[in-house]
Amino acid sequence: MCTRKIIKTFVNKFLIMETFLKLKQINLKYQTGKYNINVLKNINLNIKKKETVSVVGESGSGKTSLIMLIGGLEKPTSGKITFQNQEITELSEDEVAEIRKKNIGIIFQSFYLIPNYTAVENVALTLELNNFKNPEKEAKTLLDRFGLKHRFNNLPSQLSGGEQQRVAIARSIAMKPELILADEPTGNLDTENSIMIANILFKYVKEEGSSLIIVTHDPKLADKAKRKIKIKDGKIK
């Protein structure tokens, strides 16, 4: 009996350690005039440490909304989201922002770079906001890692789409987040740059031990993840 209790305790601790993101009975509704739009319906999802997950589905199925909720950029109508054993749905916007700033990196389809900042300055800003020592040096190290050593001092308007997305990725992972959320990261890129960005992302999470949730319409990109989730009409299928 004692042995069974020890084993059960060990298993429970292991599961808690491994499953560091949990969505339980998540619903998201919007009201437009007299009508309620059910965007997400009773979503249950567990993500483990170091896991790579792709989210696929038709446009309007709720994929981006799922990313927004996990990143704390929106709040669910009902349900609970637990990240690193902390229920973030109970926290204030400022408290969630602090968690996101240090532990969650978000990559969007649009690059959202500051137009009058160089590549180095765009990445360094994130580090500066987190009181990082030598932010410019770290920014250069990241950009060099992504093959952009020759673009340190270029403005976004002087970069190709693929180069801008690499800068955006460097900015999003500057604090070495445990969770990376990517919403159609190759959606604005040609085939060659899409392959490059996909390789960069998956190589990074493998080397750093981050978890990755990636929303994509690209079946080849989706297949690179260890697990694929399909959303249809707001539900996981």
C-alpha atoms as a PDB file:
ATOM      1  CA  MET A   1       0.000   0.000   0.000  1.00  0.00           C
ATOM      2  CA  CYS A   2       2.825   2.343   0.922  1.00  0.00           C
ATOM      3  CA  THR A   3       4.567   1.559  -2.350  1.00  0.00           C
ATOM      4  CA  ARG A   4       1.375   2.305  -4.300  1.00  0.00           C
ATOM      5  CA  LYS A   5       1.038   5.671  -2.593  1.00  0.00           C
ATOM      6  CA  ILE A   6       4.632   6.546  -3.427  1.00  0.00           C
ATOM      7  CA  ILE A   7       4.114   5.577  -7.081  1.00  0.00           C
ATOM      8  CA  LYS A   8       0.843   7.549  -7.266  1.00  0.00           C
ATOM      9  CA  THR A   9       2.482  10.621  -5.742  1.00  0.00           C
ATOM     10  CA  PHE A  10       5.389  10.370  -8.172  1.00  0.00           C
ATOM     11  CA  VAL A  11       3.057  10.011 -11.170  1.00  0.00           C
ATOM     12  CA  ASN A  12       0.952  12.988 -10.059  1.00  0.00           C
ATOM     13  CA  LYS A  13       4.031  15.153  -9.623  1.00  0.00           C
ATOM     14  CA  PHE A  14       5.334  14.072 -13.020  1.00  0.00           C
ATOM     15  CA  LEU A  15       2.041  14.946 -14.723  1.00  0.00           C
ATOM     16  CA  ILE A  16       1.918  18.371 -13.058  1.00  0.00           C
ATOM     17  CA  MET A  17       5.470  19.045 -14.135  1.00  0.00           C
ATOM     18  CA  GLU A  18       4.874  17.884 -17.698  1.00  0.00           C
ATOM     19  CA  THR A  19       1.463  19.482 -18.343  1.00  0.00           C
ATOM     20  CA  PHE A  20       2.193  23.139 -17.858  1.00  0.00           C
ATOM     21  CA  LEU A  21      -0.679  24.548 -19.947  1.00  0.00           C
ATOM     22  CA  LYS A  22      -4.244  23.404 -19.457  1.00  0.00           C
ATOM     23  CA  LEU A  23      -7.501  24.667 -20.941  1.00  0.00           C
ATOM     24  CA  LYS A  24     -10.663  23.396 -19.265  1.00  0.00           C
ATOM     25  CA  GLN A  25     -14.158  23.896 -20.677  1.00  0.00           C
ATOM     26  CA  ILE A  26     -13.192  27.093 -22.507  1.00  0.00           C
ATOM     27  CA  ASN A  27     -15.992  29.018 -24.204  1.00  0.00           C
ATOM     28  CA  LEU A  28     -15.706  32.301 -26.063  1.00  0.00           C
ATOM     29  CA  LYS A  29     -18.728  34.303 -27.189  1.00  0.00           C
ATOM     30  CA  TYR A  30     -19.124  37.685 -28.857  1.00  0.00           C
ATOM     31  CA  GLN A  31     -22.312  39.682 -28.937  1.00  0.00           C
ATOM     32  CA  THR A  32     -23.170  41.524 -32.128  1.00  0.00           C
ATOM     33  CA  GLY A  33     -26.386  43.443 -31.702  1.00  0.00           C
ATOM     34  CA  LYS A  34     -29.018  40.910 -30.670  1.00  0.00           C
ATOM     35  CA  TYR A  35     -26.944  37.926 -31.701  1.00  0.00           C
ATOM     36  CA  ASN A  36     -24.390  35.823 -29.814  1.00  0.00           C
ATOM     37  CA  ILE A  37     -21.528  34.372 -31.835  1.00  0.00           C
ATOM     38  CA  ASN A  38     -20.043  31.219 -30.309  1.00  0.00           C
ATOM     39  CA  VAL A  39     -16.383  31.322 -31.351  1.00  0.00           C
ATOM     40  CA  LEU A  40     -15.023  28.514 -29.137  1.00  0.00           C
ATOM     41  CA  LYS A  41     -17.112  25.789 -27.539  1.00  0.00           C
ATOM     42  CA  ASN A  42     -16.074  23.644 -24.577  1.00  0.00           C
ATOM     43  CA  ILE A  43     -12.381  23.496 -25.457  1.00  0.00           C
ATOM     44  CA  ASN A  44     -10.296  21.087 -23.368  1.00  0.00           C
ATOM     45  CA  LEU A  45      -6.587  20.953 -24.096  1.00  0.00           C
ATOM     46  CA  ASN A  46      -3.370  19.980 -22.301  1.00  0.00           C
ATOM     47  CA  ILE A  47       0.062  21.030 -23.546  1.00  0.00           C
ATOM     48  CA  LYS A  48       3.218  19.464 -22.152  1.00  0.00           C
ATOM     49  CA  LYS A  49       6.648  20.964 -21.746  1.00  0.00           C
ATOM     50  CA  LYS A  50       8.773  20.754 -24.902  1.00  0.00           C
ATOM     51  CA  GLU A  51       5.726  19.704 -26.948  1.00  0.00           C
ATOM     52  CA  THR A  52       5.080  21.007 -30.459  1.00  0.00           C
ATOM     53  CA  VAL A  53       1.430  21.288 -31.480  1.00  0.00           C
ATOM     54  CA  SER A  54      -0.100  22.532 -34.720  1.00  0.00           C
ATOM     55  CA  VAL A  55      -3.648  23.887 -34.863  1.00  0.00           C
ATOM     56  CA  VAL A  56      -5.424  23.576 -38.196  1.00  0.00           C
ATOM     57  CA  GLY A  57      -8.889  24.385 -39.485  1.00  0.00           C
ATOM     58  CA  GLU A  58     -10.785  26.553 -41.914  1.00  0.00           C
ATOM     59  CA  SER A  59     -10.787  30.351 -41.675  1.00  0.00           C
ATOM     60  CA  GLY A  60     -13.189  31.459 -38.953  1.00  0.00           C
ATOM     61  CA  SER A  61     -13.005  28.155 -37.085  1.00  0.00           C
ATOM     62  CA  GLY A  62     -11.544  29.796 -33.956  1.00  0.00           C
ATOM     63  CA  LYS A  63      -7.821  29.035 -34.333  1.00  0.00           C
ATOM     64  CA  THR A  64      -6.554  32.589 -33.814  1.00  0.00           C
ATOM     65  CA  SER A  65      -9.001  33.140 -30.947  1.00  0.00           C
ATOM     66  CA  LEU A  66      -7.483  30.113 -29.218  1.00  0.00           C
ATOM     67  CA  ILE A  67      -4.000  31.641 -29.496  1.00  0.00           C
ATOM     68  CA  MET A  68      -5.272  34.992 -28.196  1.00  0.00           C
ATOM     69  CA  LEU A  69      -6.810  33.313 -25.139  1.00  0.00           C
ATOM     70  CA  ILE A  70      -3.715  31.253 -24.332  1.00  0.00           C
ATOM     71  CA  GLY A  71      -1.541  34.362 -24.666  1.00  0.00           C
ATOM     72  CA  GLY A  72      -3.807  36.277 -22.292  1.00  0.00           C
ATOM     73  CA  LEU A  73      -4.711  38.828 -24.966  1.00  0.00           C
ATOM     74  CA  GLU A  74      -8.382  37.941 -24.522  1.00  0.00           C
ATOM     75  CA  LYS A  75     -10.417  36.413 -21.704  1.00  0.00           C
ATOM     76  CA  PRO A  76     -12.771  33.482 -22.184  1.00  0.00           C
ATOM     77  CA  THR A  77     -16.484  33.854 -21.556  1.00  0.00           C
ATOM     78  CA  SER A  78     -16.217  30.817 -19.295  1.00  0.00           C
ATOM     79  CA  GLY A  79     -13.727  28.121 -18.372  1.00  0.00           C
ATOM     80  CA  LYS A  80     -10.226  28.041 -16.922  1.00  0.00           C
ATOM     81  CA  ILE A  81      -6.745  28.427 -18.391  1.00  0.00           C
ATOM     82  CA  THR A  82      -3.879  27.264 -16.191  1.00  0.00           C
ATOM     83  CA  PHE A  83      -0.302  28.091 -17.113  1.00  0.00           C
ATOM     84  CA  GLN A  84       2.591  26.844 -14.980  1.00  0.00           C
ATOM     85  CA  ASN A  85       0.111  25.815 -12.251  1.00  0.00           C
ATOM     86  CA  GLN A  86      -1.380  29.324 -12.110  1.00  0.00           C
ATOM     87  CA  GLU A  87      -4.899  30.052 -13.287  1.00  0.00           C
ATOM     88  CA  ILE A  88      -4.406  33.055 -15.540  1.00  0.00           C
ATOM     89  CA  THR A  89      -8.128  33.556 -16.111  1.00  0.00           C
ATOM     90  CA  GLU A  90      -8.355  34.839 -12.522  1.00  0.00           C
ATOM     91  CA  LEU A  91      -5.570  37.400 -12.927  1.00  0.00           C
ATOM     92  CA  SER A  92      -5.771  41.070 -13.860  1.00  0.00           C
ATOM     93  CA  GLU A  93      -4.606  42.305 -17.274  1.00  0.00           C
ATOM     94  CA  ASP A  94      -1.410  43.681 -15.720  1.00  0.00           C
ATOM     95  CA  GLU A  95      -0.646  40.395 -13.976  1.00  0.00           C
ATOM     96  CA  VAL A  96      -1.196  38.422 -17.181  1.00  0.00           C
ATOM     97  CA  ALA A  97       0.969  40.910 -19.080  1.00  0.00           C
ATOM     98  CA  GLU A  98       3.840  40.246 -16.657  1.00  0.00           C
ATOM     99  CA  ILE A  99       3.570  36.493 -17.228  1.00  0.00           C
ATOM    100  CA  ARG A 100       3.395  36.983 -20.986  1.00  0.00           C
ATOM    101  CA  LYS A 101       6.333  39.374 -21.022  1.00  0.00           C
ATOM    102  CA  LYS A 102       8.704  36.811 -19.499  1.00  0.00           C
ATOM    103  CA  ASN A 103       7.253  33.392 -20.294  1.00  0.00           C
ATOM    104  CA  ILE A 104       5.197  33.547 -23.503  1.00  0.00           C
ATOM    105  CA  GLY A 105       6.478  34.577 -26.928  1.00  0.00           C
ATOM    106  CA  ILE A 106       3.886  35.443 -29.588  1.00  0.00           C
ATOM    107  CA  ILE A 107       4.591  35.506 -33.327  1.00  0.00           C
ATOM    108  CA  PHE A 108       1.955  36.995 -35.631  1.00  0.00           C
ATOM    109  CA  GLN A 109       1.342  36.754 -39.364  1.00  0.00           C
ATOM    110  CA  SER A 110       1.966  40.491 -39.604  1.00  0.00           C
ATOM    111  CA  PHE A 111       5.394  41.404 -38.329  1.00  0.00           C
ATOM    112  CA  TYR A 112       4.484  44.477 -36.216  1.00  0.00           C
ATOM    113  CA  LEU A 113       8.029  45.835 -36.225  1.00  0.00           C
ATOM    114  CA  ILE A 114       8.596  49.449 -35.188  1.00  0.00           C
ATOM    115  CA  PRO A 115       9.239  51.146 -38.559  1.00  0.00           C
ATOM    116  CA  ASN A 116      11.805  53.708 -37.380  1.00  0.00           C
ATOM    117  CA  TYR A 117      13.805  51.179 -35.313  1.00  0.00           C
ATOM    118  CA  THR A 118      16.609  49.076 -36.799  1.00  0.00           C
ATOM    119  CA  ALA A 119      16.533  45.279 -36.589  1.00  0.00           C
ATOM    120  CA  VAL A 120      18.766  45.384 -33.498  1.00  0.00           C
ATOM    121  CA  GLU A 121      16.675  48.090 -31.853  1.00  0.00           C
ATOM    122  CA  ASN A 122      13.422  46.195 -32.458  1.00  0.00           C
ATOM    123  CA  VAL A 123      14.784  43.120 -30.682  1.00  0.00           C
ATOM    124  CA  ALA A 124      16.682  45.028 -27.993  1.00  0.00           C
ATOM    125  CA  LEU A 125      13.542  46.936 -26.958  1.00  0.00           C
ATOM    126  CA  THR A 126      11.952  43.774 -25.551  1.00  0.00           C
ATOM    127  CA  LEU A 127      15.080  43.095 -23.511  1.00  0.00           C
ATOM    128  CA  GLU A 128      15.269  46.686 -22.285  1.00  0.00           C
ATOM    129  CA  LEU A 129      11.662  46.542 -21.064  1.00  0.00           C
ATOM    130  CA  ASN A 130      12.622  43.492 -19.010  1.00  0.00           C
ATOM    131  CA  ASN A 131      15.712  45.208 -17.553  1.00  0.00           C
ATOM    132  CA  PHE A 132      18.039  42.841 -19.384  1.00  0.00           C
ATOM    133  CA  LYS A 133      21.749  43.564 -19.129  1.00  0.00           C
ATOM    134  CA  ASN A 134      23.451  44.372 -22.445  1.00  0.00           C
ATOM    135  CA  PRO A 135      20.230  44.233 -24.524  1.00  0.00           C
ATOM    136  CA  GLU A 136      21.929  45.299 -27.752  1.00  0.00           C
ATOM    137  CA  LYS A 137      24.580  42.595 -27.452  1.00  0.00           C
ATOM    138  CA  GLU A 138      21.941  39.913 -26.834  1.00  0.00           C
ATOM    139  CA  ALA A 139      19.824  41.231 -29.727  1.00  0.00           C
ATOM    140  CA  LYS A 140      22.807  40.936 -32.071  1.00  0.00           C
ATOM    141  CA  THR A 141      23.485  37.395 -30.871  1.00  0.00           C
ATOM    142  CA  LEU A 142      19.891  36.383 -31.654  1.00  0.00           C
ATOM    143  CA  LEU A 143      19.833  38.042 -35.058  1.00  0.00           C
ATOM    144  CA  ASP A 144      23.174  36.454 -35.940  1.00  0.00           C
ATOM    145  CA  ARG A 145      21.726  33.082 -34.929  1.00  0.00           C
ATOM    146  CA  PHE A 146      18.941  33.653 -37.457  1.00  0.00           C
ATOM    147  CA  GLY A 147      21.313  34.635 -40.259  1.00  0.00           C
ATOM    148  CA  LEU A 148      20.801  38.399 -40.027  1.00  0.00           C
ATOM    149  CA  LYS A 149      24.257  39.605 -39.031  1.00  0.00           C
ATOM    150  CA  HIS A 150      24.393  41.721 -42.188  1.00  0.00           C
ATOM    151  CA  ARG A 151      21.045  43.372 -41.323  1.00  0.00           C
ATOM    152  CA  PHE A 152      21.694  44.696 -37.807  1.00  0.00           C
ATOM    153  CA  ASN A 153      21.294  48.353 -38.760  1.00  0.00           C
ATOM    154  CA  ASN A 154      18.590  48.052 -41.403  1.00  0.00           C
ATOM    155  CA  LEU A 155      15.084  49.441 -40.895  1.00  0.00           C
ATOM    156  CA  PRO A 156      12.093  47.112 -41.505  1.00  0.00           C
ATOM    157  CA  SER A 157      11.405  48.854 -44.837  1.00  0.00           C
ATOM    158  CA  GLN A 158      14.872  47.774 -45.964  1.00  0.00           C
ATOM    159  CA  LEU A 159      14.240  44.102 -45.179  1.00  0.00           C
ATOM    160  CA  SER A 160      12.502  41.395 -47.176  1.00  0.00           C
ATOM    161  CA  GLY A 161       9.377  39.712 -45.782  1.00  0.00           C
ATOM    162  CA  GLY A 162      11.372  36.699 -44.632  1.00  0.00           C
ATOM    163  CA  GLU A 163      13.944  38.901 -42.945  1.00  0.00           C
ATOM    164  CA  GLN A 164      11.258  40.912 -41.176  1.00  0.00           C
ATOM    165  CA  GLN A 165       9.678  37.738 -39.857  1.00  0.00           C
ATOM    166  CA  ARG A 166      13.053  36.532 -38.578  1.00  0.00           C
ATOM    167  CA  VAL A 167      13.459  39.819 -36.703  1.00  0.00           C
ATOM    168  CA  ALA A 168       9.932  39.398 -35.314  1.00  0.00           C
ATOM    169  CA  ILE A 169      10.758  35.869 -34.159  1.00  0.00           C
ATOM    170  CA  ALA A 170      13.986  37.042 -32.521  1.00  0.00           C
ATOM    171  CA  ARG A 171      12.020  39.722 -30.695  1.00  0.00           C
ATOM    172  CA  SER A 172       9.364  37.257 -29.528  1.00  0.00           C
ATOM    173  CA  ILE A 173      11.861  34.736 -28.137  1.00  0.00           C
ATOM    174  CA  ALA A 174      14.353  37.269 -26.738  1.00  0.00           C
ATOM    175  CA  MET A 175      13.410  36.379 -23.147  1.00  0.00           C
ATOM    176  CA  LYS A 176      13.664  32.638 -23.907  1.00  0.00           C
ATOM    177  CA  PRO A 177       9.979  31.922 -23.204  1.00  0.00           C
ATOM    178  CA  GLU A 178       8.875  28.443 -22.221  1.00  0.00           C
ATOM    179  CA  LEU A 179       5.859  28.741 -24.525  1.00  0.00           C
ATOM    180  CA  ILE A 180       5.861  30.113 -28.078  1.00  0.00           C
ATOM    181  CA  LEU A 181       2.573  30.884 -29.834  1.00  0.00           C
ATOM    182  CA  ALA A 182       2.741  31.359 -33.595  1.00  0.00           C
ATOM    183  CA  ASP A 183      -0.304  32.539 -35.549  1.00  0.00           C
ATOM    184  CA  GLU A 184       0.183  31.871 -39.281  1.00  0.00           C
ATOM    185  CA  PRO A 185       3.899  32.812 -39.086  1.00  0.00           C
ATOM    186  CA  THR A 186       4.433  31.986 -42.770  1.00  0.00           C
ATOM    187  CA  GLY A 187       1.116  33.322 -44.052  1.00  0.00           C
ATOM    188  CA  ASN A 188       2.655  36.391 -45.730  1.00  0.00           C
ATOM    189  CA  LEU A 189       5.722  34.629 -47.121  1.00  0.00           C
ATOM    190  CA  ASP A 190       6.653  32.830 -50.316  1.00  0.00           C
ATOM    191  CA  THR A 191       7.489  29.118 -50.328  1.00  0.00           C
ATOM    192  CA  GLU A 192      11.237  29.540 -49.871  1.00  0.00           C
ATOM    193  CA  ASN A 193      10.900  31.890 -46.913  1.00  0.00           C
ATOM    194  CA  SER A 194       8.103  29.777 -45.418  1.00  0.00           C
ATOM    195  CA  ILE A 195      10.409  26.755 -45.324  1.00  0.00           C
ATOM    196  CA  MET A 196      13.192  28.854 -43.789  1.00  0.00           C
ATOM    197  CA  ILE A 197      10.947  30.272 -41.053  1.00  0.00           C
ATOM    198  CA  ALA A 198       9.538  26.817 -40.257  1.00  0.00           C
ATOM    199  CA  ASN A 199      13.036  25.364 -39.928  1.00  0.00           C
ATOM    200  CA  ILE A 200      14.149  28.264 -37.708  1.00  0.00           C
ATOM    201  CA  LEU A 201      11.172  27.860 -35.379  1.00  0.00           C
ATOM    202  CA  PHE A 202      11.369  24.106 -34.954  1.00  0.00           C
ATOM    203  CA  LYS A 203      15.144  24.130 -34.609  1.00  0.00           C
ATOM    204  CA  TYR A 204      14.909  26.790 -31.913  1.00  0.00           C
ATOM    205  CA  VAL A 205      12.283  24.997 -29.797  1.00  0.00           C
ATOM    206  CA  LYS A 206      14.251  21.764 -30.043  1.00  0.00           C
ATOM    207  CA  GLU A 207      17.481  23.417 -28.927  1.00  0.00           C
ATOM    208  CA  GLU A 208      15.924  25.510 -26.159  1.00  0.00           C
ATOM    209  CA  GLY A 209      13.294  23.058 -24.921  1.00  0.00           C
ATOM    210  CA  SER A 210      10.370  25.428 -25.475  1.00  0.00           C
ATOM    211  CA  SER A 211       6.817  24.355 -26.226  1.00  0.00           C
ATOM    212  CA  LEU A 212       5.306  25.550 -29.498  1.00  0.00           C
ATOM    213  CA  ILE A 213       1.689  25.991 -30.542  1.00  0.00           C
ATOM    214  CA  ILE A 214       1.464  26.964 -34.188  1.00  0.00           C
ATOM    215  CA  VAL A 215      -1.675  27.943 -36.121  1.00  0.00           C
ATOM    216  CA  THR A 216      -1.290  27.327 -39.833  1.00  0.00           C
ATOM    217  CA  HIS A 217      -3.060  26.605 -43.108  1.00  0.00           C
ATOM    218  CA  ASP A 218       0.134  25.037 -44.466  1.00  0.00           C
ATOM    219  CA  PRO A 219      -0.161  21.216 -44.220  1.00  0.00           C
ATOM    220  CA  LYS A 220       3.613  20.734 -44.491  1.00  0.00           C
ATOM    221  CA  LEU A 221       4.215  23.131 -41.613  1.00  0.00           C
ATOM    222  CA  ALA A 222       1.456  21.495 -39.545  1.00  0.00           C
ATOM    223  CA  ASP A 223       3.024  18.074 -40.094  1.00  0.00           C
ATOM    224  CA  LYS A 224       6.317  19.222 -38.540  1.00  0.00           C
ATOM    225  CA  ALA A 225       4.627  19.342 -35.122  1.00  0.00           C
ATOM    226  CA  LYS A 226       4.481  16.224 -32.967  1.00  0.00           C
ATOM    227  CA  ARG A 227       0.730  16.657 -32.471  1.00  0.00           C
ATOM    228  CA  LYS A 228      -1.924  18.102 -34.741  1.00  0.00           C
ATOM    229  CA  ILE A 229      -5.236  19.537 -33.495  1.00  0.00           C
ATOM    230  CA  LYS A 230      -8.133  20.322 -35.805  1.00  0.00           C
ATOM    231  CA  ILE A 231     -10.702  22.950 -34.916  1.00  0.00           C
ATOM    232  CA  LYS A 232     -14.045  23.006 -36.705  1.00  0.00           C
ATOM    233  CA  ASP A 233     -16.937  25.323 -35.837  1.00  0.00           C
ATOM    234  CA  GLY A 234     -15.238  26.308 -32.583  1.00  0.00           C
ATOM    235  CA  LYS A 235     -14.703  22.738 -31.383  1.00  0.00           C
ATOM    236  CA  ILE A 236     -11.649  20.461 -31.267  1.00  0.00           C
ATOM    237  CA  LYS A 237     -12.251  17.465 -33.506  1.00  0.00           C
END
